[in-house]
Amino acid sequence: MLLATDLDGTFLGGTSENRLRLYQIIAAHPEIELAFVTGRGLESVLPLLADPTIPEPDYIICDVGCTVVDGSTQQPIQPLQSDIDKLWPGEHVVEAALDGINGLQRQDVPQERRCSYFCEPEAVDAVRAPLAKAVAALDCDLLYSASWYLDIFAKGVNKGSTLTALVAHLNIPHEEVLVAGIL
């Protein structure tokens, strides 16, 4: 069985007692494979691996689905990662395309195969049309979440699509996959 779980508000959410109980259940059942699936960048997931109470994931899908690595080695899972890489136009290309759009502030967090910005709710209406045009010209997708975070990434790549590709790559039957809090 594969347990694929978002981190913030899901696997890391709830009371400390309930989290510890869940983590102990997973640790006691080695037949449960664990995948962290998060919008976070890999660099912000790595500190969690040092926490002895959190079970080590077998797989990590991060950067809103743009990065997929082995949980033990943090090495890319191929050919999945190279397939994603081929779709990404590149950080500098995206930055240049969005350069004249006011109301966006680049997030100062590690980002792989995506560009992340802050966009205040008041600015959304003003940037919607030029942003949509620029993102379409780049053949990318955008995600605006929590009335603040804006991510631009390769078209068709997201947490769900990358998890689906990983499940297929691992030949895990869909009925043996439990998904929590990803979409």
Foldseek 3Di string as FASTA:
>chain_A
DEEEEEDPCWLVDDDPVVNLVVLVVCVVDVVYAYEYQYLADPVVCVVVCVDPSHDQHQWYQYVQQQFIAGRPPRHGDPPLNVVQVVQQPDDVLLCVLCVPQPQWAWDPHDHDQKTKTWGALVCCVVRVVSVVVSLVVSCWDWDDPPRTMIMIHGPPGGRVSNVVVVCVVVVPPPVSYHYYDGD
